[in-house]
Amino acid sequence: MQGRPSFDSYSKKRISYILTIKNRGKSIEAILKNIEGLLNSSDELIVVDSLSKIDPAAFMKKYRKLVNVYISEPDISPTHAFNKGIMLARGKYIKNISDDDIIYPEAMEKAIKVLGKNKDIDLLICGGSKMIGRNIRQVYVPPGIEYGKNYEDFFNYGACGVGFITRRSSIPLIGLYPSRVSSDVAYALQSLERGGKVRFCRVNLFVHKVKANSTIIKNSKFAERDSYELMKQYCSAKFYYTFRIKNYLKSRFRMFRSSVERSPLLRVLLFPIRVVMIKKNLGTKMPILRWDGDFS
């Protein structure tokens, strides 16, 4: 070893992919098949299994060429499981994987090149798509925002954990994931608070599928409450109350629109207003998403 030995000089792998699963015994083969396209010979796959109905010996025998580390024991939460994977990781970079998500291999390679060129970045956040039922929402931050300089950015533009890639040598600085419902936003906030550099890169990395029975839907009220608690902790009082008022007005408008759709009388009475709104929406240009690999 030439020169001063650094933390990264002891990284035996390039990327540590951490897959956390629970009760996925029957679908594990399909899940691993999707992940296989991400891996090359210098990467590793760590599977943290919260006691699915899988025979550990049979599992490792069948997938020994694909899975480097396999744990099968109880955990408190998905965050707890993922932190175990981080502690076992030997890669220069750490990427969490959920079994329902799609990670694009080419985009992942692009993101790793960005981290390689920008060694001061501790947590890289990439964009993608969220699918909630039939609705698709883009996780995207436009150019010129300087995302990651202020705590407010993580609330104004979001911070989806599926797009996170962490530099392993930064873990001693920014720490492990906090055990919260909104753990991804909390981790971005924690990273910035502890002096880490967090940036949003315009790389279309993932498709995050949110199912009706998923944890995030079941705990949506708790997640909203947790998000407000984080906002109150990190942001100014002015930002906190303004954000809450805006969200309240939006929710009331959604409720009103829903009642209009259900009532034939209201639909007739408000028809002129609906026509004006439709024309206005038709004239609104859709924003162009620039997936150019640059920072926002």
Protein backbone atom coordinates (compact mmCIF):
# COMPACT_ATOMS: atom_id res chain seq x y z
CA MET A 1 0.00 0.00 0.00
CA GLN A 2 1.56 3.31 -1.12
CA GLY A 3 1.12 6.63 0.68
CA ARG A 4 -1.05 7.16 3.74
CA PRO A 5 -3.65 4.43 4.34
CA SER A 6 -7.14 5.92 4.08
CA PHE A 7 -10.53 4.60 5.12
CA ASP A 8 -11.37 3.81 1.48
CA SER A 9 -8.15 1.85 1.06
CA TYR A 10 -9.75 -0.83 3.26
CA SER A 11 -12.94 -1.01 1.21
CA LYS A 12 -12.87 -4.49 -0.31
CA LYS A 13 -15.84 -3.87 -2.61
CA ARG A 14 -17.10 -1.09 -4.87
CA ILE A 15 -20.82 -0.95 -3.98
CA SER A 16 -22.57 -2.65 -1.08
CA TYR A 17 -26.20 -3.26 -2.02
CA ILE A 18 -28.32 -3.88 1.06
CA LEU A 19 -31.62 -5.69 0.57
CA THR A 20 -33.98 -5.83 3.57
CA ILE A 21 -36.83 -8.34 3.37
CA LYS A 22 -39.62 -9.62 5.59
CA ASN A 23 -42.11 -12.39 4.84
CA ARG A 24 -40.87 -12.70 1.25
CA GLY A 25 -40.12 -16.41 1.13
CA LYS A 26 -42.17 -17.16 -2.00
CA SER A 27 -41.10 -14.09 -3.99
CA ILE A 28 -37.41 -14.01 -3.10
CA GLU A 29 -36.30 -15.57 -6.39
CA ALA A 30 -38.02 -12.86 -8.47
CA ILE A 31 -36.60 -10.15 -6.20
CA LEU A 32 -33.02 -11.41 -6.55
CA LYS A 33 -33.40 -11.79 -10.31
CA ASN A 34 -34.25 -8.08 -10.55
CA ILE A 35 -31.22 -7.16 -8.45
CA GLU A 36 -28.78 -9.40 -10.33
CA GLY A 37 -28.54 -6.94 -13.23
CA LEU A 38 -27.11 -4.29 -10.89
CA LEU A 39 -24.15 -6.31 -9.64
CA ASN A 40 -20.70 -6.76 -11.09
CA SER A 41 -17.75 -8.72 -9.74
CA SER A 42 -16.53 -5.85 -7.54
CA ASP A 43 -19.90 -5.33 -5.81
CA GLU A 44 -21.55 -7.22 -2.95
CA LEU A 45 -25.13 -8.02 -1.99
CA ILE A 46 -26.11 -8.11 1.68
CA VAL A 47 -29.53 -9.60 2.49
CA VAL A 48 -31.01 -8.79 5.89
CA ASP A 49 -34.01 -11.05 6.43
CA SER A 50 -36.40 -10.50 9.32
CA LEU A 51 -37.20 -14.18 9.79
CA SER A 52 -39.01 -14.97 6.55
CA LYS A 53 -39.97 -18.59 6.04
CA ILE A 54 -36.64 -19.34 4.37
CA ASP A 55 -34.22 -22.11 5.26
CA PRO A 56 -30.91 -20.20 5.69
CA ALA A 57 -28.70 -23.14 4.66
CA ALA A 58 -30.76 -23.88 1.55
CA PHE A 59 -30.90 -20.18 0.68
CA MET A 60 -27.13 -19.67 0.81
CA LYS A 61 -26.50 -22.87 -1.10
CA LYS A 62 -28.82 -21.77 -3.90
CA TYR A 63 -27.70 -18.12 -4.08
CA ARG A 64 -24.07 -18.33 -2.93
CA LYS A 65 -22.85 -16.82 -6.23
CA LEU A 66 -25.15 -13.82 -5.87
CA VAL A 67 -25.51 -13.16 -2.12
CA ASN A 68 -22.34 -12.33 -0.18
CA VAL A 69 -23.87 -11.91 3.28
CA TYR A 70 -27.17 -13.26 4.62
CA ILE A 71 -28.67 -12.49 8.05
CA SER A 72 -31.86 -14.11 9.35
CA GLU A 73 -32.96 -12.69 12.69
CA PRO A 74 -35.66 -10.40 14.15
CA ASP A 75 -35.41 -6.64 13.75
CA ILE A 76 -37.34 -3.72 15.21
CA SER A 77 -37.99 -1.89 11.94
CA PRO A 78 -36.80 -1.65 8.30
CA THR A 79 -34.39 1.06 9.46
CA HIS A 80 -32.96 -1.26 12.11
CA ALA A 81 -32.46 -3.95 9.46
CA PHE A 82 -30.80 -1.56 7.02
CA ASN A 83 -28.41 -0.27 9.70
CA LYS A 84 -27.27 -3.87 10.28
CA GLY A 85 -26.41 -4.05 6.59
CA ILE A 86 -24.44 -0.80 6.81
CA MET A 87 -22.41 -2.19 9.71
CA LEU A 88 -21.51 -5.26 7.61
CA ALA A 89 -20.85 -3.38 4.37
CA ARG A 90 -17.37 -3.49 2.81
CA GLY A 91 -18.11 -1.35 -0.23
CA LYS A 92 -16.90 2.15 -0.95
CA TYR A 93 -20.53 3.14 -1.57
CA ILE A 94 -23.73 1.92 0.08
CA LYS A 95 -27.05 1.54 -1.70
CA ASN A 96 -30.24 0.37 -0.01
CA ILE A 97 -32.69 -1.71 -2.05
CA SER A 98 -36.35 -2.40 -1.40
CA ASP A 99 -37.83 -5.52 -2.97
CA ASP A 100 -40.64 -3.60 -4.74
CA ASP A 101 -38.41 -0.98 -6.33
CA ILE A 102 -36.64 -0.82 -9.69
CA ILE A 103 -33.11 0.59 -9.89
CA TYR A 104 -31.81 1.33 -13.39
CA PRO A 105 -28.28 -0.17 -13.82
CA GLU A 106 -27.05 2.50 -16.27
CA ALA A 107 -28.29 5.31 -14.03
CA MET A 108 -26.61 3.68 -11.03
CA GLU A 109 -23.28 3.59 -12.89
CA LYS A 110 -23.73 7.25 -13.79
CA ALA A 111 -24.38 8.16 -10.14
CA ILE A 112 -21.29 6.25 -8.98
CA LYS A 113 -19.16 8.16 -11.51
CA VAL A 114 -20.57 11.42 -10.09
CA LEU A 115 -19.53 10.36 -6.58
CA GLY A 116 -16.11 9.33 -7.87
CA LYS A 117 -15.53 12.79 -9.35
CA ASN A 118 -16.97 14.66 -6.35
CA LYS A 119 -15.23 13.16 -3.33
CA ASP A 120 -16.60 15.80 -0.96
CA ILE A 121 -20.19 14.53 -1.28
CA ASP A 122 -21.25 12.37 1.65
CA LEU A 123 -24.85 11.63 0.65
CA LEU A 124 -25.95 11.73 -2.98
CA ILE A 125 -29.69 11.92 -3.64
CA CYS A 126 -30.86 10.96 -7.11
CA GLY A 127 -34.26 11.43 -8.73
CA GLY A 128 -36.81 8.98 -10.06
CA SER A 129 -40.52 8.18 -10.04
CA LYS A 130 -43.01 7.31 -7.33
CA MET A 131 -45.95 5.13 -8.35
CA ILE A 132 -48.92 5.32 -5.98
CA GLY A 133 -51.66 3.25 -7.57
CA ARG A 134 -52.16 4.73 -11.04
CA ASN A 135 -50.61 8.06 -10.11
CA ILE A 136 -46.98 8.76 -11.00
CA ARG A 137 -45.07 11.56 -9.29
CA GLN A 138 -41.60 12.63 -10.36
CA VAL A 139 -38.97 13.01 -7.66
CA TYR A 140 -37.03 15.87 -9.20
CA VAL A 141 -35.32 19.10 -8.22
CA PRO A 142 -34.92 21.73 -10.98
CA PRO A 143 -31.56 23.39 -11.74
CA GLY A 144 -30.48 26.43 -9.76
CA ILE A 145 -31.94 25.40 -6.39
CA GLU A 146 -28.63 24.61 -4.62
CA TYR A 147 -30.40 21.70 -2.95
CA GLY A 148 -28.83 20.54 0.30
CA LYS A 149 -27.69 23.90 1.64
CA ASN A 150 -30.78 24.45 3.79
CA TYR A 151 -32.96 22.16 5.89
CA GLU A 152 -36.05 23.55 4.15
CA ASP A 153 -34.97 21.97 0.83
CA PHE A 154 -35.78 18.47 2.12
CA PHE A 155 -39.38 19.52 2.78
CA ASN A 156 -39.91 21.74 -0.26
CA TYR A 157 -38.56 19.18 -2.74
CA GLY A 158 -38.56 15.93 -0.78
CA ALA A 159 -35.88 13.35 -0.07
CA CYS A 160 -36.85 9.86 -1.25
CA GLY A 161 -34.61 7.22 0.34
CA VAL A 162 -34.76 5.00 -2.76
CA GLY A 163 -32.53 7.56 -4.46
CA PHE A 164 -29.92 7.70 -1.65
CA ILE A 165 -26.33 6.57 -2.22
CA THR A 166 -24.03 6.96 0.80
CA ARG A 167 -20.26 7.12 0.86
CA ARG A 168 -19.18 4.49 3.40
CA SER A 169 -16.27 6.60 4.66
CA SER A 170 -18.84 9.29 5.58
CA ILE A 171 -20.74 7.04 8.02
CA PRO A 172 -18.47 7.99 10.98
CA LEU A 173 -19.46 11.62 10.31
CA ILE A 174 -23.15 11.46 9.34
CA GLY A 175 -24.01 8.31 11.31
CA LEU A 176 -26.57 5.52 10.86
CA TYR A 177 -30.23 5.97 9.94
CA PRO A 178 -32.39 7.30 12.81
CA SER A 179 -35.24 5.02 13.89
CA ARG A 180 -38.19 7.14 12.71
CA VAL A 181 -41.17 6.72 10.41
CA SER A 182 -39.73 9.38 8.06
CA SER A 183 -36.24 7.89 8.30
CA ASP A 184 -35.08 9.03 4.84
CA VAL A 185 -35.88 12.73 5.41
CA ALA A 186 -34.51 12.44 8.96
CA TYR A 187 -31.25 10.98 7.61
CA ALA A 188 -30.80 13.79 5.08
CA LEU A 189 -31.42 16.37 7.83
CA GLN A 190 -29.07 14.56 10.22
CA SER A 191 -26.35 14.39 7.56
CA LEU A 192 -26.51 18.13 6.93
CA GLU A 193 -26.66 18.93 10.66
CA ARG A 194 -23.49 16.90 11.33
CA GLY A 195 -21.50 18.69 8.67
CA GLY A 196 -22.04 16.31 5.76
CA LYS A 197 -22.44 17.47 2.19
CA VAL A 198 -25.77 16.44 0.65
CA ARG A 199 -26.49 17.04 -3.03
CA PHE A 200 -29.29 16.22 -5.47
CA CYS A 201 -28.07 14.81 -8.77
CA ARG A 202 -30.35 14.89 -11.81
CA VAL A 203 -30.08 11.18 -12.56
CA ASN A 204 -33.28 9.21 -13.18
CA LEU A 205 -32.32 6.32 -10.89
CA PHE A 206 -35.45 4.52 -9.70
CA VAL A 207 -39.12 3.63 -9.82
CA HIS A 208 -40.57 3.42 -6.31
CA LYS A 209 -43.77 1.40 -6.18
CA VAL A 210 -46.00 2.29 -3.26
CA LYS A 211 -48.67 -0.38 -2.86
CA ALA A 212 -52.00 0.03 -1.07
CA ASN A 213 -50.91 -2.36 1.70
CA SER A 214 -47.40 -0.94 2.03
CA THR A 215 -46.03 0.34 5.33
CA ILE A 216 -45.87 3.93 4.09
CA ILE A 217 -49.59 3.96 3.21
CA LYS A 218 -50.65 2.22 6.43
CA ASN A 219 -48.58 4.67 8.48
CA SER A 220 -49.23 7.78 6.37
CA LYS A 221 -50.71 9.74 9.31
CA PHE A 222 -47.74 8.84 11.51
CA ALA A 223 -45.33 9.75 8.70
CA GLU A 224 -46.97 13.16 8.27
CA ARG A 225 -46.83 13.79 12.01
CA ASP A 226 -43.19 12.70 12.14
CA SER A 227 -42.35 14.94 9.19
CA TYR A 228 -43.89 17.94 10.97
CA GLU A 229 -41.91 17.12 14.12
CA LEU A 230 -38.70 17.09 12.08
CA MET A 231 -39.69 20.35 10.41
CA LYS A 232 -40.30 21.97 13.79
CA GLN A 233 -36.92 20.72 15.02
CA TYR A 234 -34.80 21.85 12.07
CA CYS A 235 -36.63 24.72 10.35
CA SER A 236 -37.68 28.23 11.38
CA ALA A 237 -41.08 28.81 13.00
CA LYS A 238 -42.12 30.93 9.99
CA PHE A 239 -41.34 28.10 7.56
CA TYR A 240 -43.05 25.51 9.77
CA TYR A 241 -46.36 27.37 10.16
CA THR A 242 -46.44 28.57 6.53
CA PHE A 243 -45.86 25.02 5.29
CA ARG A 244 -48.60 23.62 7.54
CA ILE A 245 -51.12 26.27 6.49
CA LYS A 246 -50.42 25.62 2.79
CA ASN A 247 -50.83 21.87 3.28
CA TYR A 248 -54.08 22.41 5.18
CA LEU A 249 -55.51 24.58 2.39
CA LYS A 250 -54.47 22.03 -0.23
CA SER A 251 -56.16 19.22 1.68
CA ARG A 252 -59.38 21.25 2.07
CA PHE A 253 -59.36 22.00 -1.66
CA ARG A 254 -58.94 18.29 -2.46
CA MET A 255 -61.89 17.48 -0.20
CA PHE A 256 -64.00 20.19 -1.87
CA ARG A 257 -63.10 18.95 -5.35
CA SER A 258 -64.00 15.40 -4.31
CA SER A 259 -67.41 16.55 -3.04
CA VAL A 260 -68.03 18.39 -6.31
CA GLU A 261 -67.30 15.24 -8.29
CA ARG A 262 -69.80 13.29 -6.17
CA SER A 263 -72.61 15.84 -6.39
CA PRO A 264 -74.40 16.33 -9.76
CA LEU A 265 -75.93 19.62 -8.55
CA LEU A 266 -72.58 21.11 -7.57
CA ARG A 267 -71.04 19.96 -10.84
CA VAL A 268 -73.71 21.89 -12.77
CA LEU A 269 -73.48 25.02 -10.59
CA LEU A 270 -69.68 25.12 -10.74
CA PHE A 271 -69.40 24.13 -14.40
CA PRO A 272 -68.22 27.62 -15.60
CA ILE A 273 -65.43 27.62 -13.03
CA ARG A 274 -64.38 24.09 -14.00
CA VAL A 275 -64.21 25.10 -17.68
CA VAL A 276 -61.94 28.07 -16.83
CA MET A 277 -59.66 25.83 -14.72
CA ILE A 278 -59.43 23.18 -17.46
CA LYS A 279 -58.50 25.82 -20.06
CA LYS A 280 -55.90 27.24 -17.71
CA ASN A 281 -54.40 23.78 -17.12
CA LEU A 282 -54.33 23.06 -20.85
CA GLY A 283 -52.38 26.26 -21.40
CA THR A 284 -49.83 25.43 -18.71
CA LYS A 285 -46.61 24.04 -20.09
CA MET A 286 -45.31 20.90 -18.44
CA PRO A 287 -41.86 21.39 -16.89
CA ILE A 288 -39.00 19.77 -18.79
CA LEU A 289 -37.13 17.27 -16.65
CA ARG A 290 -33.42 17.50 -17.37
CA TRP A 291 -31.88 14.16 -16.40
CA ASP A 292 -28.40 15.40 -17.31
CA GLY A 293 -26.43 14.10 -14.35
CA ASP A 294 -25.72 17.58 -13.03
CA PHE A 295 -26.52 18.98 -9.59
CA SER A 296 -29.58 20.99 -8.59
